[in-house]
Amino acid sequence: MVVGPFLSAVHVYCTYEEMRAAPVNTLNPQRTAMIIEDFLETGKISSPADLRYREDLLFPKRVIEGAGNVKVGRDLHKVIKPSRLEQFKEIFPDEKFVLEFGNRWTDMVLEQNASGEDALRGWLVAALASPVVENREVEMVEVAYEKMNTMMPRLLSELRAKGWHTDRFLDGTGSRYGF
């Protein structure tokens, strides 16, 4: 009889649907990417309830093009050369993220004590720089950074109004750096 595997599949499906039904208001890479994509495309902020059925629980690490194709949590030494890291930290000394633009995606590595707001700042810079800059010259990233600075107060205000917690960023087993 095939009842055992059928019941297991039904149990997995029900668990999956239960997990999707509960709105989660903490930021993770996938939710942050969807928030940034919606914000840049429509100017609106999605609530946790809006995103719960859009979140991909089976393949959460996919990159979202409209949000800068950002990947979070790779090892710093695999992402950026020491000379580029020095250059990035000279240009953006107070930021708790490092961005390295590649051909297919942008790597973002967060400092050990980075918050959700820091992750949002980095994600927004990456998203604003990616469509404009093919070779990501420093000047163009600086322009994206300035745009991010003007957009952040509104973004944070609306995120909090929608019920998002921006104090933490849940990046799972992602690697972070510290000096």
N, C-alpha and C. Protein backbone atom coordinates (compact mmCIF):
# COMPACT_ATOMS: atom_id res chain seq x y z
N MET A 1 0.83 -1.18 0.00
CA MET A 1 0.00 0.00 0.00
C MET A 1 0.88 1.25 0.00
N VAL A 2 0.44 2.33 -0.62
CA VAL A 2 1.21 3.55 -0.79
C VAL A 2 0.78 4.64 0.18
N VAL A 3 0.10 4.27 1.22
CA VAL A 3 -0.44 5.27 2.15
C VAL A 3 0.68 6.00 2.88
N GLY A 4 1.73 5.31 3.28
CA GLY A 4 2.84 5.92 4.03
C GLY A 4 3.46 7.10 3.30
N PRO A 5 3.96 6.90 2.07
CA PRO A 5 4.56 8.03 1.35
C PRO A 5 3.55 9.14 1.05
N PHE A 6 2.31 8.77 0.77
CA PHE A 6 1.28 9.77 0.50
C PHE A 6 1.05 10.65 1.72
N LEU A 7 0.92 10.00 2.90
CA LEU A 7 0.71 10.78 4.13
C LEU A 7 1.92 11.65 4.45
N SER A 8 3.11 11.15 4.16
CA SER A 8 4.31 11.96 4.38
C SER A 8 4.31 13.19 3.49
N ALA A 9 3.93 13.01 2.24
CA ALA A 9 3.88 14.14 1.31
C ALA A 9 2.82 15.15 1.75
N VAL A 10 1.69 14.67 2.21
CA VAL A 10 0.63 15.55 2.70
C VAL A 10 1.12 16.31 3.93
N HIS A 11 1.81 15.62 4.82
CA HIS A 11 2.34 16.25 6.03
C HIS A 11 3.35 17.35 5.67
N VAL A 12 4.24 17.07 4.73
CA VAL A 12 5.22 18.07 4.30
C VAL A 12 4.51 19.27 3.69
N TYR A 13 3.53 19.02 2.83
CA TYR A 13 2.79 20.11 2.20
C TYR A 13 2.06 20.96 3.25
N CYS A 14 1.42 20.32 4.21
CA CYS A 14 0.69 21.05 5.25
C CYS A 14 1.65 21.89 6.10
N THR A 15 2.79 21.32 6.43
CA THR A 15 3.79 22.06 7.20
C THR A 15 4.29 23.27 6.41
N TYR A 16 4.55 23.07 5.13
CA TYR A 16 4.98 24.15 4.24
C TYR A 16 3.95 25.27 4.22
N GLU A 17 2.68 24.92 4.06
CA GLU A 17 1.62 25.93 4.02
C GLU A 17 1.45 26.63 5.38
N GLU A 18 1.62 25.90 6.47
CA GLU A 18 1.55 26.53 7.80
C GLU A 18 2.67 27.55 7.96
N MET A 19 3.87 27.19 7.52
CA MET A 19 5.00 28.11 7.64
C MET A 19 4.78 29.36 6.80
N ARG A 20 4.19 29.20 5.63
CA ARG A 20 3.93 30.36 4.77
C ARG A 20 2.83 31.25 5.33
N ALA A 21 1.91 30.68 6.07
CA ALA A 21 0.76 31.44 6.57
C ALA A 21 1.14 32.40 7.69
N ALA A 22 2.21 32.12 8.38
CA ALA A 22 2.61 32.98 9.50
C ALA A 22 3.50 34.11 8.99
N PRO A 23 3.04 35.36 9.09
CA PRO A 23 3.90 36.47 8.66
C PRO A 23 5.07 36.64 9.63
N VAL A 24 6.27 36.75 9.09
CA VAL A 24 7.48 36.91 9.89
C VAL A 24 7.98 38.33 9.65
N ASN A 25 8.22 39.06 10.74
CA ASN A 25 8.56 40.48 10.59
C ASN A 25 10.04 40.81 10.82
N THR A 26 10.90 39.80 10.76
CA THR A 26 12.34 40.05 10.83
C THR A 26 12.92 39.95 9.43
N LEU A 27 13.96 40.71 9.19
CA LEU A 27 14.58 40.74 7.87
C LEU A 27 15.55 39.58 7.68
N ASN A 28 15.48 38.97 6.51
CA ASN A 28 16.46 37.99 6.08
C ASN A 28 16.82 38.35 4.64
N PRO A 29 17.75 37.66 4.01
CA PRO A 29 18.13 38.06 2.65
C PRO A 29 16.96 38.07 1.65
N GLN A 30 16.14 37.04 1.66
CA GLN A 30 15.06 36.98 0.69
C GLN A 30 14.01 38.07 0.92
N ARG A 31 13.60 38.27 2.16
CA ARG A 31 12.60 39.29 2.46
C ARG A 31 13.14 40.68 2.14
N THR A 32 14.41 40.91 2.48
CA THR A 32 15.03 42.21 2.21
C THR A 32 15.06 42.47 0.70
N ALA A 33 15.43 41.47 -0.08
CA ALA A 33 15.47 41.63 -1.54
C ALA A 33 14.08 41.96 -2.08
N MET A 34 13.06 41.27 -1.59
CA MET A 34 11.70 41.55 -2.06
C MET A 34 11.24 42.95 -1.66
N ILE A 35 11.59 43.37 -0.45
CA ILE A 35 11.23 44.71 0.01
C ILE A 35 11.90 45.77 -0.86
N ILE A 36 13.20 45.62 -1.10
CA ILE A 36 13.95 46.59 -1.92
C ILE A 36 13.40 46.61 -3.35
N GLU A 37 13.13 45.44 -3.91
CA GLU A 37 12.60 45.38 -5.27
C GLU A 37 11.25 46.11 -5.36
N ASP A 38 10.35 45.82 -4.43
CA ASP A 38 9.05 46.50 -4.42
C ASP A 38 9.20 48.00 -4.24
N PHE A 39 10.07 48.40 -3.33
CA PHE A 39 10.28 49.82 -3.04
C PHE A 39 10.80 50.56 -4.28
N LEU A 40 11.74 49.96 -4.98
CA LEU A 40 12.31 50.62 -6.16
C LEU A 40 11.36 50.60 -7.35
N GLU A 41 10.56 49.56 -7.48
CA GLU A 41 9.64 49.47 -8.62
C GLU A 41 8.36 50.27 -8.41
N THR A 42 7.82 50.25 -7.19
CA THR A 42 6.51 50.87 -6.96
C THR A 42 6.55 52.04 -5.99
N GLY A 43 7.63 52.16 -5.22
CA GLY A 43 7.70 53.20 -4.20
C GLY A 43 6.97 52.81 -2.93
N LYS A 44 6.44 51.60 -2.87
CA LYS A 44 5.69 51.14 -1.70
C LYS A 44 6.47 50.07 -0.94
N ILE A 45 6.11 49.94 0.32
CA ILE A 45 6.72 48.94 1.20
C ILE A 45 5.72 47.82 1.43
N SER A 46 6.16 46.60 1.23
CA SER A 46 5.32 45.45 1.51
C SER A 46 5.36 45.13 2.99
N SER A 47 4.23 44.72 3.52
CA SER A 47 4.17 44.31 4.93
C SER A 47 4.60 42.85 5.06
N PRO A 48 4.86 42.39 6.29
CA PRO A 48 5.16 40.97 6.47
C PRO A 48 4.05 40.08 5.91
N ALA A 49 2.81 40.49 6.08
CA ALA A 49 1.69 39.69 5.56
C ALA A 49 1.69 39.68 4.03
N ASP A 50 2.12 40.78 3.40
CA ASP A 50 2.18 40.83 1.94
C ASP A 50 3.21 39.86 1.38
N LEU A 51 4.31 39.70 2.09
CA LEU A 51 5.42 38.89 1.58
C LEU A 51 5.32 37.41 1.93
N ARG A 52 4.51 37.05 2.89
CA ARG A 52 4.53 35.67 3.39
C ARG A 52 4.26 34.63 2.32
N TYR A 53 3.39 34.91 1.36
CA TYR A 53 3.11 33.92 0.32
C TYR A 53 4.04 34.04 -0.88
N ARG A 54 4.81 35.11 -0.93
CA ARG A 54 5.79 35.27 -2.01
C ARG A 54 7.15 34.68 -1.65
N GLU A 55 7.39 34.49 -0.37
CA GLU A 55 8.68 33.97 0.07
C GLU A 55 8.84 32.52 -0.37
N ASP A 56 9.99 32.21 -0.93
CA ASP A 56 10.28 30.87 -1.42
C ASP A 56 10.99 30.09 -0.31
N LEU A 57 10.25 29.23 0.36
CA LEU A 57 10.81 28.48 1.48
C LEU A 57 11.70 27.32 1.02
N LEU A 58 11.49 26.85 -0.20
CA LEU A 58 12.28 25.72 -0.69
C LEU A 58 13.62 26.16 -1.26
N PHE A 59 13.67 27.31 -1.92
CA PHE A 59 14.91 27.81 -2.52
C PHE A 59 15.14 29.26 -2.07
N PRO A 60 15.45 29.46 -0.81
CA PRO A 60 15.53 30.83 -0.28
C PRO A 60 16.75 31.62 -0.73
N LYS A 61 17.74 30.99 -1.32
CA LYS A 61 18.97 31.70 -1.65
C LYS A 61 19.00 32.27 -3.06
N ARG A 62 17.89 32.22 -3.77
CA ARG A 62 17.89 32.77 -5.13
C ARG A 62 18.10 34.28 -5.07
N VAL A 63 18.77 34.81 -6.08
CA VAL A 63 18.98 36.26 -6.13
C VAL A 63 17.84 36.90 -6.91
N ILE A 64 17.52 38.13 -6.57
CA ILE A 64 16.41 38.85 -7.20
C ILE A 64 16.99 40.01 -7.99
N GLU A 65 16.79 39.96 -9.30
CA GLU A 65 17.40 40.94 -10.20
C GLU A 65 17.00 42.37 -9.88
N GLY A 66 15.72 42.60 -9.62
CA GLY A 66 15.25 43.95 -9.34
C GLY A 66 15.76 44.53 -8.03
N ALA A 67 16.45 43.70 -7.26
CA ALA A 67 17.02 44.16 -5.99
C ALA A 67 18.55 44.10 -6.01
N GLY A 68 19.13 44.08 -7.20
CA GLY A 68 20.59 44.15 -7.32
C GLY A 68 21.31 42.83 -7.38
N ASN A 69 20.59 41.71 -7.48
CA ASN A 69 21.23 40.38 -7.53
C ASN A 69 22.22 40.19 -6.39
N VAL A 70 21.80 40.49 -5.18
CA VAL A 70 22.70 40.47 -4.02
C VAL A 70 22.73 39.07 -3.41
N LYS A 71 23.96 38.63 -3.10
CA LYS A 71 24.18 37.41 -2.31
C LYS A 71 24.84 37.86 -1.02
N VAL A 72 24.37 37.30 0.08
CA VAL A 72 24.87 37.70 1.39
C VAL A 72 25.55 36.51 2.07
N GLY A 73 26.66 36.80 2.77
CA GLY A 73 27.22 35.83 3.68
C GLY A 73 28.36 34.98 3.21
N ARG A 74 28.92 35.27 2.04
CA ARG A 74 30.11 34.52 1.64
C ARG A 74 31.29 35.02 2.46
N ASP A 75 32.33 34.22 2.56
CA ASP A 75 33.53 34.60 3.32
C ASP A 75 34.18 35.83 2.69
N LEU A 76 34.57 36.77 3.54
CA LEU A 76 35.14 38.03 3.08
C LEU A 76 36.35 37.79 2.18
N HIS A 77 37.23 36.87 2.55
CA HIS A 77 38.44 36.64 1.76
C HIS A 77 38.14 36.01 0.40
N LYS A 78 36.96 35.42 0.23
CA LYS A 78 36.57 34.86 -1.07
C LYS A 78 35.87 35.90 -1.94
N VAL A 79 35.41 36.97 -1.32
CA VAL A 79 34.62 37.98 -2.01
C VAL A 79 35.46 39.13 -2.55
N ILE A 80 36.41 39.59 -1.76
CA ILE A 80 37.11 40.83 -2.12
C ILE A 80 38.59 40.73 -1.77
N LYS A 81 39.40 41.31 -2.63
CA LYS A 81 40.84 41.34 -2.40
C LYS A 81 41.13 42.39 -1.33
N PRO A 82 42.22 42.22 -0.57
CA PRO A 82 42.55 43.20 0.48
C PRO A 82 42.68 44.63 -0.03
N SER A 83 43.24 44.81 -1.22
CA SER A 83 43.39 46.18 -1.75
C SER A 83 42.02 46.80 -2.05
N ARG A 84 41.08 46.03 -2.58
CA ARG A 84 39.72 46.53 -2.85
C ARG A 84 38.99 46.80 -1.55
N LEU A 85 39.21 45.96 -0.55
CA LEU A 85 38.59 46.17 0.76
C LEU A 85 39.06 47.48 1.36
N GLU A 86 40.35 47.73 1.28
CA GLU A 86 40.90 48.99 1.77
C GLU A 86 40.27 50.18 1.06
N GLN A 87 40.14 50.07 -0.27
CA GLN A 87 39.54 51.14 -1.06
C GLN A 87 38.09 51.36 -0.66
N PHE A 88 37.33 50.29 -0.49
CA PHE A 88 35.92 50.39 -0.11
C PHE A 88 35.80 51.07 1.26
N LYS A 89 36.64 50.65 2.21
CA LYS A 89 36.57 51.21 3.56
C LYS A 89 37.03 52.67 3.61
N GLU A 90 37.87 53.08 2.68
CA GLU A 90 38.26 54.49 2.60
C GLU A 90 37.10 55.34 2.10
N ILE A 91 36.37 54.82 1.13
CA ILE A 91 35.26 55.57 0.55
C ILE A 91 34.05 55.59 1.49
N PHE A 92 33.78 54.45 2.14
CA PHE A 92 32.61 54.30 3.03
C PHE A 92 33.07 53.84 4.41
N PRO A 93 33.78 54.69 5.16
CA PRO A 93 34.41 54.25 6.41
C PRO A 93 33.43 53.88 7.53
N ASP A 94 32.25 54.46 7.53
CA ASP A 94 31.33 54.21 8.64
C ASP A 94 30.32 53.11 8.36
N GLU A 95 30.38 52.50 7.19
CA GLU A 95 29.41 51.47 6.86
C GLU A 95 29.82 50.11 7.40
N LYS A 96 28.81 49.31 7.69
CA LYS A 96 29.03 47.98 8.25
C LYS A 96 28.75 46.89 7.22
N PHE A 97 28.97 47.24 5.97
CA PHE A 97 28.83 46.27 4.88
C PHE A 97 29.94 46.52 3.88
N VAL A 98 30.24 45.48 3.12
CA VAL A 98 31.19 45.57 2.02
C VAL A 98 30.47 45.02 0.80
N LEU A 99 30.57 45.72 -0.31
CA LEU A 99 29.97 45.27 -1.57
C LEU A 99 31.06 44.99 -2.58
N GLU A 100 30.90 43.90 -3.29
CA GLU A 100 31.78 43.59 -4.42
C GLU A 100 30.88 43.20 -5.60
N PHE A 101 30.92 44.02 -6.63
CA PHE A 101 30.06 43.82 -7.80
C PHE A 101 30.71 42.84 -8.75
N GLY A 102 30.00 41.78 -9.08
CA GLY A 102 30.47 40.80 -10.05
C GLY A 102 29.64 40.87 -11.30
N ASN A 103 29.90 39.95 -12.22
CA ASN A 103 29.16 39.93 -13.49
C ASN A 103 27.73 39.42 -13.32
N ARG A 104 27.54 38.44 -12.44
CA ARG A 104 26.21 37.84 -12.30
C ARG A 104 25.51 38.23 -11.01
N TRP A 105 26.24 38.62 -9.99
CA TRP A 105 25.63 39.03 -8.74
C TRP A 105 26.57 39.97 -7.99
N THR A 106 26.02 40.58 -6.96
CA THR A 106 26.79 41.45 -6.07
C THR A 106 26.91 40.75 -4.73
N ASP A 107 28.13 40.60 -4.26
CA ASP A 107 28.34 40.02 -2.94
C ASP A 107 28.27 41.13 -1.90
N MET A 108 27.56 40.85 -0.81
CA MET A 108 27.54 41.76 0.33
C MET A 108 27.96 40.96 1.56
N VAL A 109 28.98 41.45 2.24
CA VAL A 109 29.42 40.85 3.49
C VAL A 109 29.19 41.88 4.57
N LEU A 110 28.56 41.44 5.65
CA LEU A 110 28.22 42.34 6.75
C LEU A 110 29.24 42.24 7.87
N GLU A 111 29.44 43.36 8.54
CA GLU A 111 30.28 43.38 9.74
C GLU A 111 29.59 42.56 10.82
N GLN A 112 30.36 42.06 11.75
CA GLN A 112 29.83 41.17 12.80
C GLN A 112 28.63 41.77 13.53
N ASN A 113 28.65 43.05 13.83
CA ASN A 113 27.57 43.67 14.60
C ASN A 113 26.59 44.48 13.73
N ALA A 114 26.52 44.16 12.44
CA ALA A 114 25.62 44.89 11.53
C ALA A 114 24.16 44.56 11.87
N SER A 115 23.32 45.57 11.74
CA SER A 115 21.88 45.41 12.00
C SER A 115 21.13 45.23 10.69
N GLY A 116 19.84 45.09 10.80
CA GLY A 116 19.00 45.03 9.62
C GLY A 116 19.08 46.32 8.82
N GLU A 117 19.21 47.44 9.51
CA GLU A 117 19.33 48.73 8.83
C GLU A 117 20.61 48.80 8.00
N ASP A 118 21.69 48.24 8.53
CA ASP A 118 22.95 48.20 7.78
C ASP A 118 22.79 47.34 6.53
N ALA A 119 22.14 46.21 6.67
CA ALA A 119 21.90 45.33 5.52
C ALA A 119 21.03 46.04 4.48
N LEU A 120 20.02 46.75 4.94
CA LEU A 120 19.16 47.51 4.02
C LEU A 120 19.95 48.57 3.27
N ARG A 121 20.85 49.25 3.97
CA ARG A 121 21.67 50.29 3.35
C ARG A 121 22.53 49.69 2.24
N GLY A 122 23.20 48.58 2.55
CA GLY A 122 24.04 47.93 1.55
C GLY A 122 23.23 47.41 0.38
N TRP A 123 22.08 46.82 0.68
CA TRP A 123 21.24 46.26 -0.37
C TRP A 123 20.74 47.35 -1.31
N LEU A 124 20.36 48.47 -0.72
CA LEU A 124 19.85 49.58 -1.53
C LEU A 124 20.95 50.16 -2.42
N VAL A 125 22.17 50.30 -1.90
CA VAL A 125 23.29 50.78 -2.73
C VAL A 125 23.52 49.80 -3.88
N ALA A 126 23.52 48.52 -3.59
CA ALA A 126 23.75 47.51 -4.63
C ALA A 126 22.66 47.57 -5.69
N ALA A 127 21.42 47.70 -5.27
CA ALA A 127 20.30 47.74 -6.21
C ALA A 127 20.33 49.02 -7.06
N LEU A 128 20.69 50.13 -6.45
CA LEU A 128 20.74 51.40 -7.19
C LEU A 128 21.92 51.45 -8.14
N ALA A 129 23.01 50.78 -7.79
CA ALA A 129 24.21 50.80 -8.64
C ALA A 129 24.14 49.78 -9.76
N SER A 130 23.45 48.67 -9.56
CA SER A 130 23.52 47.59 -10.54
C SER A 130 22.96 47.91 -11.91
N PRO A 131 21.81 48.57 -12.06
CA PRO A 131 21.35 48.82 -13.43
C PRO A 131 22.11 49.94 -14.13
N VAL A 132 22.71 50.81 -13.37
CA VAL A 132 23.35 51.98 -13.92
C VAL A 132 24.78 51.69 -14.34
N VAL A 133 25.43 50.83 -13.61
CA VAL A 133 26.87 50.68 -13.74
C VAL A 133 27.22 49.31 -14.29
N GLU A 134 27.82 49.29 -15.46
CA GLU A 134 28.24 48.00 -15.98
C GLU A 134 29.57 47.59 -15.37
N ASN A 135 30.50 48.49 -15.26
CA ASN A 135 31.78 48.14 -14.66
C ASN A 135 31.91 48.66 -13.23
N ARG A 136 30.85 49.20 -12.70
CA ARG A 136 30.76 49.66 -11.31
C ARG A 136 31.94 50.54 -10.91
N GLU A 137 32.16 51.58 -11.67
CA GLU A 137 33.20 52.52 -11.32
C GLU A 137 32.86 53.16 -9.98
N VAL A 138 33.90 53.54 -9.26
CA VAL A 138 33.74 54.09 -7.92
C VAL A 138 32.78 55.28 -7.91
N GLU A 139 32.88 56.15 -8.90
CA GLU A 139 32.03 57.34 -8.94
C GLU A 139 30.55 56.96 -9.00
N MET A 140 30.23 55.94 -9.78
CA MET A 140 28.83 55.53 -9.93
C MET A 140 28.31 54.89 -8.63
N VAL A 141 29.16 54.16 -7.94
CA VAL A 141 28.75 53.57 -6.67
C VAL A 141 28.54 54.69 -5.65
N GLU A 142 29.36 55.73 -5.71
CA GLU A 142 29.18 56.87 -4.83
C GLU A 142 27.85 57.58 -5.11
N VAL A 143 27.47 57.69 -6.38
CA VAL A 143 26.18 58.28 -6.74
C VAL A 143 25.04 57.43 -6.16
N ALA A 144 25.15 56.12 -6.29
CA ALA A 144 24.14 55.21 -5.73
C ALA A 144 24.09 55.35 -4.21
N TYR A 145 25.25 55.53 -3.59
CA TYR A 145 25.33 55.71 -2.14
C TYR A 145 24.60 56.99 -1.70
N GLU A 146 24.79 58.06 -2.44
CA GLU A 146 24.11 59.32 -2.11
C GLU A 146 22.59 59.17 -2.27
N LYS A 147 22.15 58.48 -3.32
CA LYS A 147 20.72 58.23 -3.50
C LYS A 147 20.18 57.42 -2.33
N MET A 148 20.94 56.41 -1.92
CA MET A 148 20.52 55.58 -0.80
C MET A 148 20.34 56.44 0.45
N ASN A 149 21.27 57.33 0.70
CA ASN A 149 21.18 58.19 1.89
C ASN A 149 19.93 59.06 1.89
N THR A 150 19.50 59.49 0.71
CA THR A 150 18.28 60.31 0.66
C THR A 150 17.03 59.44 0.80
N MET A 151 17.09 58.19 0.38
CA MET A 151 15.92 57.31 0.42
C MET A 151 15.74 56.60 1.77
N MET A 152 16.81 56.41 2.51
CA MET A 152 16.77 55.60 3.73
C MET A 152 15.79 56.09 4.79
N PRO A 153 15.71 57.39 5.09
CA PRO A 153 14.76 57.80 6.14
C PRO A 153 13.32 57.38 5.83
N ARG A 154 12.91 57.59 4.59
CA ARG A 154 11.54 57.19 4.20
C ARG A 154 11.39 55.67 4.25
N LEU A 155 12.38 54.95 3.73
CA LEU A 155 12.33 53.48 3.72
C LEU A 155 12.20 52.95 5.14
N LEU A 156 13.03 53.41 6.04
CA LEU A 156 12.99 52.93 7.43
C LEU A 156 11.69 53.29 8.12
N SER A 157 11.24 54.50 7.91
CA SER A 157 9.98 54.94 8.52
C SER A 157 8.82 54.06 8.07
N GLU A 158 8.74 53.81 6.78
CA GLU A 158 7.64 53.00 6.26
C GLU A 158 7.77 51.53 6.65
N LEU A 159 9.00 51.03 6.72
CA LEU A 159 9.20 49.65 7.17
C LEU A 159 8.68 49.47 8.60
N ARG A 160 9.06 50.39 9.46
CA ARG A 160 8.61 50.31 10.86
C ARG A 160 7.09 50.45 10.95
N ALA A 161 6.51 51.33 10.15
CA ALA A 161 5.06 51.51 10.16
C ALA A 161 4.34 50.24 9.70
N LYS A 162 4.97 49.47 8.84
CA LYS A 162 4.37 48.22 8.35
C LYS A 162 4.61 47.05 9.30
N GLY A 163 5.40 47.29 10.36
CA GLY A 163 5.62 46.24 11.35
C GLY A 163 6.92 45.47 11.24
N TRP A 164 7.82 45.92 10.38
CA TRP A 164 9.10 45.23 10.24
C TRP A 164 10.04 45.59 11.38
N HIS A 165 10.82 44.61 11.82
CA HIS A 165 11.88 44.83 12.81
C HIS A 165 13.18 45.03 12.04
N THR A 166 13.78 46.20 12.18
CA THR A 166 14.98 46.50 11.42
C THR A 166 16.24 46.43 12.27
N ASP A 167 16.09 46.03 13.52
CA ASP A 167 17.25 45.98 14.40
C ASP A 167 18.13 44.75 14.17
N ARG A 168 17.57 43.70 13.59
CA ARG A 168 18.33 42.48 13.35
C ARG A 168 18.22 42.07 11.88
N PHE A 169 19.22 41.31 11.45
CA PHE A 169 19.20 40.74 10.11
C PHE A 169 19.58 39.28 10.25
N LEU A 170 18.66 38.41 9.91
CA LEU A 170 18.87 36.98 10.05
C LEU A 170 19.47 36.42 8.76
N ASP A 171 20.78 36.24 8.77
CA ASP A 171 21.43 35.73 7.57
C ASP A 171 21.89 34.29 7.74
N GLY A 172 21.25 33.58 8.65
CA GLY A 172 21.52 32.15 8.80
C GLY A 172 22.97 31.86 9.13
N THR A 173 23.55 30.99 8.36
CA THR A 173 24.94 30.60 8.60
C THR A 173 25.90 31.46 7.81
N GLY A 174 25.44 32.60 7.36
CA GLY A 174 26.27 33.51 6.59
C GLY A 174 27.49 33.97 7.37
N SER A 175 28.55 34.22 6.65
CA SER A 175 29.79 34.67 7.25
C SER A 175 29.75 36.18 7.41
N ARG A 176 30.27 36.67 8.52
CA ARG A 176 30.40 38.11 8.76
C ARG A 176 31.86 38.40 9.07
N TYR A 177 32.22 39.68 9.03
CA TYR A 177 33.62 40.01 9.27
C TYR A 177 33.75 40.93 10.47
N GLY A 178 34.96 41.02 11.00
CA GLY A 178 35.25 41.93 12.09
C GLY A 178 36.73 42.32 12.03
N PHE A 179 37.02 43.51 12.53
CA PHE A 179 38.42 43.96 12.57
C PHE A 179 38.85 44.14 14.00
